[in-house]
Amino acid sequence: MKIPSLQYYHIAEGLTAFSSMRKGGYSTGRYGEFNINRYCGDSDEAIRKNREALCRLLDITDDRLLMPHQVHKAEIAVVDEQRDIDLEGYDALMTNVEDVCIGVSTADCIPVLLYDPRQRAVCAVHAGWRGTVMRIVEQSIARMTEVYGTNPADLIAQIGPGIHLESFEVGDEVYQAFEDAGFDMNSISKKYPCGSKLFTFHSSLLPSKWHIDLPECNRLQLISAGVPDAHISMSPVCTYMQSDTYFSARRLGIESGRIFTGIILRRRD
């Protein structure tokens, strides 16, 4: 019997929050071993077994494990007790229903978990570079305020594993998208010589490319939305640099597994 390897986040009592790692599942090759994303080319049977293993570990039924089909936009779904929402085309889920695991799928993009301890509500956000430019984290917080009465100052946030500044080389058009969206480029970007990781000598002679700090972009969004800096935790994991432990689409290719980052409000006795 396989047991998925999870990185747990100790956000608060009465919560289970985590990101999956590659070990402890039934998938093989670039999907190996633990992948529950149905949209990246893995076998249905491996995904079914992996979901069963995760639900067993989390002590929930399969119908309470929810993950949207993400499209790199900024649509946000509210999950209620009925759980009958179509999860096609959303990049964030939120709920105040107990013992339901909501989560997002990433492999270099940034997962963000939000917890409102006062209103007892949670949110899971998929922030790729496009979603980050659209400020999906800020939009998710605004939606939590609208639906649950959340005060952003009460929120506790966990930024999960994703690609970091040194590894996230982008084209000029991506840099321009962030600049046009009003980001402080001095805080979130830096130029590195192309191939400088491979060629340590004479790197100053190499052409330079922009790199973007996606985790920092989303941390700054949280602060801009009113979340106290002291309430924000950031994973030290760069998925590109640690692709043996966490999936990285840039390292492994698009047809590879995905990290699942989830959060559960546990039922109070």
C-alpha atoms as a PDB file:
ATOM      1  CA  MET A   1       0.000   0.000   0.000  1.00  0.00           C
ATOM      2  CA  LYS A   2       1.442   3.358  -1.089  1.00  0.00           C
ATOM      3  CA  ILE A   3       1.459   6.360   1.253  1.00  0.00           C
ATOM      4  CA  PRO A   4       1.790   9.777  -0.411  1.00  0.00           C
ATOM      5  CA  SER A   5       4.620  12.001   0.810  1.00  0.00           C
ATOM      6  CA  LEU A   6       3.207  15.340   1.946  1.00  0.00           C
ATOM      7  CA  GLN A   7       4.825  18.561   3.113  1.00  0.00           C
ATOM      8  CA  TYR A   8       2.511  19.745   5.889  1.00  0.00           C
ATOM      9  CA  TYR A   9       2.036  23.394   6.840  1.00  0.00           C
ATOM     10  CA  HIS A  10       1.283  24.185  10.472  1.00  0.00           C
ATOM     11  CA  ILE A  11      -0.981  27.153   9.820  1.00  0.00           C
ATOM     12  CA  ALA A  12      -3.370  26.745  12.768  1.00  0.00           C
ATOM     13  CA  GLU A  13      -5.130  24.192  14.927  1.00  0.00           C
ATOM     14  CA  GLY A  14      -8.135  22.592  13.264  1.00  0.00           C
ATOM     15  CA  LEU A  15      -6.614  22.719   9.780  1.00  0.00           C
ATOM     16  CA  THR A  16      -4.825  20.280   7.526  1.00  0.00           C
ATOM     17  CA  ALA A  17      -2.710  22.043   4.905  1.00  0.00           C
ATOM     18  CA  PHE A  18      -0.089  20.471   2.670  1.00  0.00           C
ATOM     19  CA  SER A  19       1.698  20.156  -0.661  1.00  0.00           C
ATOM     20  CA  SER A  20       2.288  16.762  -2.230  1.00  0.00           C
ATOM     21  CA  MET A  21       5.748  15.546  -3.171  1.00  0.00           C
ATOM     22  CA  ARG A  22       6.660  13.069  -5.906  1.00  0.00           C
ATOM     23  CA  LYS A  23       7.075   9.950  -3.782  1.00  0.00           C
ATOM     24  CA  GLY A  24       4.460   7.541  -2.499  1.00  0.00           C
ATOM     25  CA  GLY A  25       2.201   6.989  -5.495  1.00  0.00           C
ATOM     26  CA  TYR A  26       1.360   4.728  -8.424  1.00  0.00           C
ATOM     27  CA  SER A  27       2.295   6.895 -11.419  1.00  0.00           C
ATOM     28  CA  THR A  28       5.447   6.231 -13.436  1.00  0.00           C
ATOM     29  CA  GLY A  29       8.002   8.080 -15.546  1.00  0.00           C
ATOM     30  CA  ARG A  30       7.672  11.849 -15.512  1.00  0.00           C
ATOM     31  CA  TYR A  31       4.407  11.443 -13.583  1.00  0.00           C
ATOM     32  CA  GLY A  32       6.117   9.383 -10.931  1.00  0.00           C
ATOM     33  CA  GLU A  33       5.110   8.703  -8.411  1.00  0.00           C
ATOM     34  CA  PHE A  34       2.254  10.763  -6.963  1.00  0.00           C
ATOM     35  CA  ASN A  35       0.031  12.738  -9.349  1.00  0.00           C
ATOM     36  CA  ILE A  36      -3.735  13.328  -9.134  1.00  0.00           C
ATOM     37  CA  ASN A  37      -4.075  15.832 -11.979  1.00  0.00           C
ATOM     38  CA  ARG A  38      -6.322  14.423 -14.725  1.00  0.00           C
ATOM     39  CA  TYR A  39      -5.325  16.995 -17.318  1.00  0.00           C
ATOM     40  CA  CYS A  40      -1.612  16.374 -17.854  1.00  0.00           C
ATOM     41  CA  GLY A  41      -1.597  12.986 -19.621  1.00  0.00           C
ATOM     42  CA  ASP A  42      -1.201  10.514 -16.733  1.00  0.00           C
ATOM     43  CA  SER A  43      -3.092   7.211 -16.756  1.00  0.00           C
ATOM     44  CA  ASP A  44      -6.606   7.174 -15.293  1.00  0.00           C
ATOM     45  CA  GLU A  45      -5.835   4.077 -13.236  1.00  0.00           C
ATOM     46  CA  ALA A  46      -2.754   5.604 -11.604  1.00  0.00           C
ATOM     47  CA  ILE A  47      -4.686   8.788 -10.816  1.00  0.00           C
ATOM     48  CA  ARG A  48      -7.533   6.774  -9.286  1.00  0.00           C
ATOM     49  CA  LYS A  49      -5.135   4.854  -7.052  1.00  0.00           C
ATOM     50  CA  ASN A  50      -3.303   8.029  -6.072  1.00  0.00           C
ATOM     51  CA  ARG A  51      -6.569   9.748  -5.128  1.00  0.00           C
ATOM     52  CA  GLU A  52      -7.583   6.725  -3.067  1.00  0.00           C
ATOM     53  CA  ALA A  53      -4.247   6.800  -1.246  1.00  0.00           C
ATOM     54  CA  LEU A  54      -4.517  10.525  -0.533  1.00  0.00           C
ATOM     55  CA  CYS A  55      -8.111  10.300   0.685  1.00  0.00           C
ATOM     56  CA  ARG A  56      -7.158   7.427   2.964  1.00  0.00           C
ATOM     57  CA  LEU A  57      -4.300   9.473   4.410  1.00  0.00           C
ATOM     58  CA  LEU A  58      -6.502  12.562   4.872  1.00  0.00           C
ATOM     59  CA  ASP A  59      -9.438  10.517   6.218  1.00  0.00           C
ATOM     60  CA  ILE A  60     -11.950  11.894   3.712  1.00  0.00           C
ATOM     61  CA  THR A  61     -14.063  10.357   0.943  1.00  0.00           C
ATOM     62  CA  ASP A  62     -13.193  10.887  -2.719  1.00  0.00           C
ATOM     63  CA  ASP A  63     -16.146  13.217  -3.302  1.00  0.00           C
ATOM     64  CA  ARG A  64     -14.653  15.600  -0.716  1.00  0.00           C
ATOM     65  CA  LEU A  65     -11.346  15.983  -2.590  1.00  0.00           C
ATOM     66  CA  LEU A  66     -11.819  18.901  -4.992  1.00  0.00           C
ATOM     67  CA  MET A  67      -9.422  20.265  -7.600  1.00  0.00           C
ATOM     68  CA  PRO A  68     -10.443  22.543 -10.500  1.00  0.00           C
ATOM     69  CA  HIS A  69      -9.406  22.301 -14.130  1.00  0.00           C
ATOM     70  CA  GLN A  70      -7.211  25.399 -14.118  1.00  0.00           C
ATOM     71  CA  VAL A  71      -6.858  27.656 -17.150  1.00  0.00           C
ATOM     72  CA  HIS A  72      -4.323  30.303 -15.997  1.00  0.00           C
ATOM     73  CA  LYS A  73      -6.947  33.004 -15.489  1.00  0.00           C
ATOM     74  CA  ALA A  74      -8.519  34.502 -12.369  1.00  0.00           C
ATOM     75  CA  GLU A  75     -11.913  32.844 -11.945  1.00  0.00           C
ATOM     76  CA  ILE A  76     -12.756  31.885  -8.355  1.00  0.00           C
ATOM     77  CA  ALA A  77     -15.280  29.227  -7.307  1.00  0.00           C
ATOM     78  CA  VAL A  78     -17.176  29.111  -4.016  1.00  0.00           C
ATOM     79  CA  VAL A  79     -17.709  25.554  -2.747  1.00  0.00           C
ATOM     80  CA  ASP A  80     -20.778  25.069  -0.551  1.00  0.00           C
ATOM     81  CA  GLU A  81     -22.144  22.053   1.302  1.00  0.00           C
ATOM     82  CA  GLN A  82     -23.673  20.612  -1.891  1.00  0.00           C
ATOM     83  CA  ARG A  83     -20.275  20.474  -3.647  1.00  0.00           C
ATOM     84  CA  ASP A  84     -22.079  20.225  -6.992  1.00  0.00           C
ATOM     85  CA  ILE A  85     -20.221  23.078  -8.691  1.00  0.00           C
ATOM     86  CA  ASP A  86     -18.644  22.498 -12.110  1.00  0.00           C
ATOM     87  CA  LEU A  87     -14.912  22.959 -11.470  1.00  0.00           C
ATOM     88  CA  GLU A  88     -14.028  23.651 -15.109  1.00  0.00           C
ATOM     89  CA  GLY A  89     -12.125  26.876 -15.726  1.00  0.00           C
ATOM     90  CA  TYR A  90     -11.344  28.017 -12.181  1.00  0.00           C
ATOM     91  CA  ASP A  91      -7.962  28.892 -10.710  1.00  0.00           C
ATOM     92  CA  ALA A  92      -9.037  29.326  -7.085  1.00  0.00           C
ATOM     93  CA  LEU A  93     -11.462  27.569  -4.758  1.00  0.00           C
ATOM     94  CA  MET A  94     -12.827  28.783  -1.432  1.00  0.00           C
ATOM     95  CA  THR A  95     -15.070  27.190   1.163  1.00  0.00           C
ATOM     96  CA  ASN A  96     -16.301  27.302   4.732  1.00  0.00           C
ATOM     97  CA  VAL A  97     -17.453  23.673   4.628  1.00  0.00           C
ATOM     98  CA  GLU A  98     -15.720  21.374   7.083  1.00  0.00           C
ATOM     99  CA  ASP A  99     -13.885  18.193   6.085  1.00  0.00           C
ATOM    100  CA  VAL A 100     -13.687  19.150   2.406  1.00  0.00           C
ATOM    101  CA  CYS A 101     -10.230  19.320   0.838  1.00  0.00           C
ATOM    102  CA  ILE A 102      -9.936  22.111  -1.710  1.00  0.00           C
ATOM    103  CA  GLY A 103      -6.689  22.442  -3.588  1.00  0.00           C
ATOM    104  CA  VAL A 104      -4.827  23.516  -6.690  1.00  0.00           C
ATOM    105  CA  SER A 105      -2.389  21.832  -9.027  1.00  0.00           C
ATOM    106  CA  THR A 106       1.033  23.288  -9.857  1.00  0.00           C
ATOM    107  CA  ALA A 107       4.425  22.422 -11.316  1.00  0.00           C
ATOM    108  CA  ASP A 108       6.405  25.692 -11.078  1.00  0.00           C
ATOM    109  CA  CYS A 109       3.387  27.998 -10.670  1.00  0.00           C
ATOM    110  CA  ILE A 110       2.744  29.331  -7.177  1.00  0.00           C
ATOM    111  CA  PRO A 111       0.116  27.788  -4.877  1.00  0.00           C
ATOM    112  CA  VAL A 112      -1.256  30.087  -2.172  1.00  0.00           C
ATOM    113  CA  LEU A 113      -3.380  28.944   0.781  1.00  0.00           C
ATOM    114  CA  LEU A 114      -5.480  31.397   2.794  1.00  0.00           C
ATOM    115  CA  TYR A 115      -7.154  30.837   6.156  1.00  0.00           C
ATOM    116  CA  ASP A 116      -9.587  33.140   7.915  1.00  0.00           C
ATOM    117  CA  PRO A 117      -9.656  32.000  11.570  1.00  0.00           C
ATOM    118  CA  ARG A 118     -12.405  34.443  12.523  1.00  0.00           C
ATOM    119  CA  GLN A 119     -14.923  33.464   9.827  1.00  0.00           C
ATOM    120  CA  ARG A 120     -13.642  29.872   9.525  1.00  0.00           C
ATOM    121  CA  ALA A 121     -13.069  29.945   5.776  1.00  0.00           C
ATOM    122  CA  VAL A 122     -10.233  28.804   3.517  1.00  0.00           C
ATOM    123  CA  CYS A 123      -9.063  29.419  -0.031  1.00  0.00           C
ATOM    124  CA  ALA A 124      -6.613  27.689  -2.386  1.00  0.00           C
ATOM    125  CA  VAL A 125      -5.178  29.765  -5.239  1.00  0.00           C
ATOM    126  CA  HIS A 126      -3.228  28.795  -8.365  1.00  0.00           C
ATOM    127  CA  ALA A 127      -1.018  31.743  -9.317  1.00  0.00           C
ATOM    128  CA  GLY A 128       0.869  31.152 -12.537  1.00  0.00           C
ATOM    129  CA  TRP A 129       2.516  34.150 -14.121  1.00  0.00           C
ATOM    130  CA  ARG A 130      -0.676  35.058 -15.996  1.00  0.00           C
ATOM    131  CA  GLY A 131      -2.829  34.707 -12.885  1.00  0.00           C
ATOM    132  CA  THR A 132      -0.276  36.698 -10.929  1.00  0.00           C
ATOM    133  CA  VAL A 133      -0.424  39.502 -13.509  1.00  0.00           C
ATOM    134  CA  MET A 134      -4.235  39.390 -13.140  1.00  0.00           C
ATOM    135  CA  ARG A 135      -3.716  39.646  -9.357  1.00  0.00           C
ATOM    136  CA  ILE A 136      -5.664  36.491  -8.600  1.00  0.00           C
ATOM    137  CA  VAL A 137      -4.516  36.500  -4.964  1.00  0.00           C
ATOM    138  CA  GLU A 138      -5.911  39.990  -4.405  1.00  0.00           C
ATOM    139  CA  GLN A 139      -9.109  39.021  -6.222  1.00  0.00           C
ATOM    140  CA  SER A 140      -9.461  35.902  -4.062  1.00  0.00           C
ATOM    141  CA  ILE A 141      -9.156  37.936  -0.873  1.00  0.00           C
ATOM    142  CA  ALA A 142     -11.744  40.411  -2.147  1.00  0.00           C
ATOM    143  CA  ARG A 143     -14.074  37.503  -2.922  1.00  0.00           C
ATOM    144  CA  MET A 144     -13.578  36.048   0.577  1.00  0.00           C
ATOM    145  CA  THR A 145     -14.510  39.448   1.991  1.00  0.00           C
ATOM    146  CA  GLU A 146     -17.629  39.536  -0.180  1.00  0.00           C
ATOM    147  CA  VAL A 147     -18.766  35.969   0.570  1.00  0.00           C
ATOM    148  CA  TYR A 148     -17.616  35.375   4.152  1.00  0.00           C
ATOM    149  CA  GLY A 149     -17.044  38.858   5.551  1.00  0.00           C
ATOM    150  CA  THR A 150     -13.306  38.247   5.784  1.00  0.00           C
ATOM    151  CA  ASN A 151     -11.110  41.006   7.147  1.00  0.00           C
ATOM    152  CA  PRO A 152      -7.788  40.669   5.273  1.00  0.00           C
ATOM    153  CA  ALA A 153      -5.925  41.573   8.473  1.00  0.00           C
ATOM    154  CA  ASP A 154      -7.173  38.296   9.993  1.00  0.00           C
ATOM    155  CA  LEU A 155      -5.916  36.096   7.160  1.00  0.00           C
ATOM    156  CA  ILE A 156      -3.033  33.659   7.507  1.00  0.00           C
ATOM    157  CA  ALA A 157      -1.291  32.829   4.219  1.00  0.00           C
ATOM    158  CA  GLN A 158       1.017  30.066   3.062  1.00  0.00           C
ATOM    159  CA  ILE A 159       2.884  30.421  -0.230  1.00  0.00           C
ATOM    160  CA  GLY A 160       3.802  26.926  -1.379  1.00  0.00           C
ATOM    161  CA  PRO A 161       6.579  25.461  -3.544  1.00  0.00           C
ATOM    162  CA  GLY A 162       7.143  27.019  -6.946  1.00  0.00           C
ATOM    163  CA  ILE A 163       9.797  28.296  -9.289  1.00  0.00           C
ATOM    164  CA  HIS A 164      12.075  30.967  -7.799  1.00  0.00           C
ATOM    165  CA  LEU A 165      13.712  34.079  -9.207  1.00  0.00           C
ATOM    166  CA  GLU A 166      17.015  32.494 -10.216  1.00  0.00           C
ATOM    167  CA  SER A 167      15.264  29.800 -12.274  1.00  0.00           C
ATOM    168  CA  PHE A 168      12.335  31.712 -13.804  1.00  0.00           C
ATOM    169  CA  GLU A 169      13.783  33.200 -16.979  1.00  0.00           C
ATOM    170  CA  VAL A 170      11.180  35.067 -19.040  1.00  0.00           C
ATOM    171  CA  GLY A 171      10.920  36.825 -22.369  1.00  0.00           C
ATOM    172  CA  ASP A 172      10.594  40.574 -22.720  1.00  0.00           C
ATOM    173  CA  GLU A 173       6.845  40.209 -23.342  1.00  0.00           C
ATOM    174  CA  VAL A 174       6.331  38.595 -19.919  1.00  0.00           C
ATOM    175  CA  TYR A 175       8.433  41.274 -18.229  1.00  0.00           C
ATOM    176  CA  GLN A 176       6.333  43.889 -20.019  1.00  0.00           C
ATOM    177  CA  ALA A 177       3.092  42.250 -18.850  1.00  0.00           C
ATOM    178  CA  PHE A 178       4.173  42.623 -15.222  1.00  0.00           C
ATOM    179  CA  GLU A 179       5.314  46.196 -15.782  1.00  0.00           C
ATOM    180  CA  ASP A 180       2.049  47.106 -17.533  1.00  0.00           C
ATOM    181  CA  ALA A 181       0.123  45.600 -14.594  1.00  0.00           C
ATOM    182  CA  GLY A 182       1.809  48.041 -12.222  1.00  0.00           C
ATOM    183  CA  PHE A 183       4.247  45.751 -10.416  1.00  0.00           C
ATOM    184  CA  ASP A 184       7.351  47.279  -8.833  1.00  0.00           C
ATOM    185  CA  MET A 185       9.868  45.772 -11.222  1.00  0.00           C
ATOM    186  CA  ASN A 186      12.815  46.678  -8.999  1.00  0.00           C
ATOM    187  CA  SER A 187      11.334  44.419  -6.307  1.00  0.00           C
ATOM    188  CA  ILE A 188      10.310  41.449  -8.453  1.00  0.00           C
ATOM    189  CA  SER A 189      12.775  41.195 -11.343  1.00  0.00           C
ATOM    190  CA  LYS A 190      16.457  40.898 -12.103  1.00  0.00           C
ATOM    191  CA  LYS A 191      18.600  40.273 -15.168  1.00  0.00           C
ATOM    192  CA  TYR A 192      20.839  37.225 -15.252  1.00  0.00           C
ATOM    193  CA  PRO A 193      23.315  36.182 -17.973  1.00  0.00           C
ATOM    194  CA  CYS A 194      21.779  33.512 -20.212  1.00  0.00           C
ATOM    195  CA  GLY A 195      23.142  30.107 -19.287  1.00  0.00           C
ATOM    196  CA  SER A 196      25.043  31.486 -16.302  1.00  0.00           C
ATOM    197  CA  LYS A 197      24.143  28.389 -14.272  1.00  0.00           C
ATOM    198  CA  LEU A 198      25.998  26.283 -16.818  1.00  0.00           C
ATOM    199  CA  PHE A 199      28.909  28.593 -17.597  1.00  0.00           C
ATOM    200  CA  THR A 200      30.387  30.037 -14.447  1.00  0.00           C
ATOM    201  CA  PHE A 201      33.347  31.649 -16.225  1.00  0.00           C
ATOM    202  CA  HIS A 202      33.008  34.846 -18.255  1.00  0.00           C
ATOM    203  CA  SER A 203      29.270  35.005 -17.557  1.00  0.00           C
ATOM    204  CA  SER A 204      29.481  38.786 -17.971  1.00  0.00           C
ATOM    205  CA  LEU A 205      30.065  38.180 -21.685  1.00  0.00           C
ATOM    206  CA  LEU A 206      26.775  36.311 -22.089  1.00  0.00           C
ATOM    207  CA  PRO A 207      23.550  38.053 -23.173  1.00  0.00           C
ATOM    208  CA  SER A 208      21.176  38.727 -20.274  1.00  0.00           C
ATOM    209  CA  LYS A 209      17.522  37.754 -19.773  1.00  0.00           C
ATOM    210  CA  TRP A 210      14.938  38.942 -17.305  1.00  0.00           C
ATOM    211  CA  HIS A 211      13.925  36.742 -14.383  1.00  0.00           C
ATOM    212  CA  ILE A 212      10.729  37.245 -12.347  1.00  0.00           C
ATOM    213  CA  ASP A 213      10.279  36.451  -8.645  1.00  0.00           C
ATOM    214  CA  LEU A 214       6.807  34.860  -8.634  1.00  0.00           C
ATOM    215  CA  PRO A 215       6.714  34.037  -4.896  1.00  0.00           C
ATOM    216  CA  GLU A 216       7.610  37.639  -4.069  1.00  0.00           C
ATOM    217  CA  CYS A 217       4.990  38.950  -6.518  1.00  0.00           C
ATOM    218  CA  ASN A 218       2.335  37.057  -4.614  1.00  0.00           C
ATOM    219  CA  ARG A 219       3.703  38.014  -1.196  1.00  0.00           C
ATOM    220  CA  LEU A 220       3.469  41.661  -2.218  1.00  0.00           C
ATOM    221  CA  GLN A 221      -0.108  41.089  -3.410  1.00  0.00           C
ATOM    222  CA  LEU A 222      -1.029  39.647  -0.026  1.00  0.00           C
ATOM    223  CA  ILE A 223       0.423  42.683   1.727  1.00  0.00           C
ATOM    224  CA  SER A 224      -1.279  45.054  -0.723  1.00  0.00           C
ATOM    225  CA  ALA A 225      -4.602  43.357   0.034  1.00  0.00           C
ATOM    226  CA  GLY A 226      -4.131  43.935   3.765  1.00  0.00           C
ATOM    227  CA  VAL A 227      -2.617  40.672   5.013  1.00  0.00           C
ATOM    228  CA  PRO A 228       0.021  41.426   7.677  1.00  0.00           C
ATOM    229  CA  ASP A 229       3.532  40.440   6.638  1.00  0.00           C
ATOM    230  CA  ALA A 230       3.862  38.500   9.905  1.00  0.00           C
ATOM    231  CA  HIS A 231       0.925  36.306   8.807  1.00  0.00           C
ATOM    232  CA  ILE A 232       2.652  35.172   5.594  1.00  0.00           C
ATOM    233  CA  SER A 233       4.849  32.075   5.350  1.00  0.00           C
ATOM    234  CA  MET A 234       6.828  31.169   2.240  1.00  0.00           C
ATOM    235  CA  SER A 235       8.107  27.785   1.145  1.00  0.00           C
ATOM    236  CA  PRO A 236      11.871  27.735   0.542  1.00  0.00           C
ATOM    237  CA  VAL A 237      11.402  25.147  -2.234  1.00  0.00           C
ATOM    238  CA  CYS A 238      12.251  26.052  -5.829  1.00  0.00           C
ATOM    239  CA  THR A 239      10.546  23.360  -7.888  1.00  0.00           C
ATOM    240  CA  TYR A 240      12.951  23.754 -10.813  1.00  0.00           C
ATOM    241  CA  MET A 241      15.973  23.204  -8.582  1.00  0.00           C
ATOM    242  CA  GLN A 242      14.335  20.374  -6.612  1.00  0.00           C
ATOM    243  CA  SER A 243      12.560  18.517  -9.410  1.00  0.00           C
ATOM    244  CA  ASP A 244      13.620  15.175  -7.962  1.00  0.00           C
ATOM    245  CA  THR A 245      11.272  15.871  -5.025  1.00  0.00           C
ATOM    246  CA  TYR A 246       8.659  18.217  -6.538  1.00  0.00           C
ATOM    247  CA  PHE A 247       7.287  18.316 -10.077  1.00  0.00           C
ATOM    248  CA  SER A 248       8.645  21.025 -12.387  1.00  0.00           C
ATOM    249  CA  ALA A 249       7.145  21.480 -15.849  1.00  0.00           C
ATOM    250  CA  ARG A 250      10.157  23.517 -16.971  1.00  0.00           C
ATOM    251  CA  ARG A 251      12.484  20.723 -15.943  1.00  0.00           C
ATOM    252  CA  LEU A 252      10.358  17.675 -16.862  1.00  0.00           C
ATOM    253  CA  GLY A 253       8.154  19.019 -19.663  1.00  0.00           C
ATOM    254  CA  ILE A 254       4.430  19.800 -19.760  1.00  0.00           C
ATOM    255  CA  GLU A 255       3.528  16.099 -19.918  1.00  0.00           C
ATOM    256  CA  SER A 256       4.569  15.389 -16.347  1.00  0.00           C
ATOM    257  CA  GLY A 257       2.994  15.215 -12.906  1.00  0.00           C
ATOM    258  CA  ARG A 258       1.691  18.052 -10.775  1.00  0.00           C
ATOM    259  CA  ILE A 259       1.982  19.059  -7.124  1.00  0.00           C
ATOM    260  CA  PHE A 260      -1.335  19.182  -5.265  1.00  0.00           C
ATOM    261  CA  THR A 261      -1.550  21.847  -2.566  1.00  0.00           C
ATOM    262  CA  GLY A 262      -4.640  21.474  -0.417  1.00  0.00           C
ATOM    263  CA  ILE A 263      -6.337  22.709   2.729  1.00  0.00           C
ATOM    264  CA  ILE A 264      -9.076  21.236   4.942  1.00  0.00           C
ATOM    265  CA  LEU A 265     -11.157  22.865   7.665  1.00  0.00           C
ATOM    266  CA  ARG A 266     -11.484  20.060  10.177  1.00  0.00           C
ATOM    267  CA  ARG A 267     -14.797  19.478  11.920  1.00  0.00           C
ATOM    268  CA  ARG A 268     -14.901  20.849  15.436  1.00  0.00           C
ATOM    269  CA  ASP A 269     -16.032  18.481  18.201  1.00  0.00           C
END
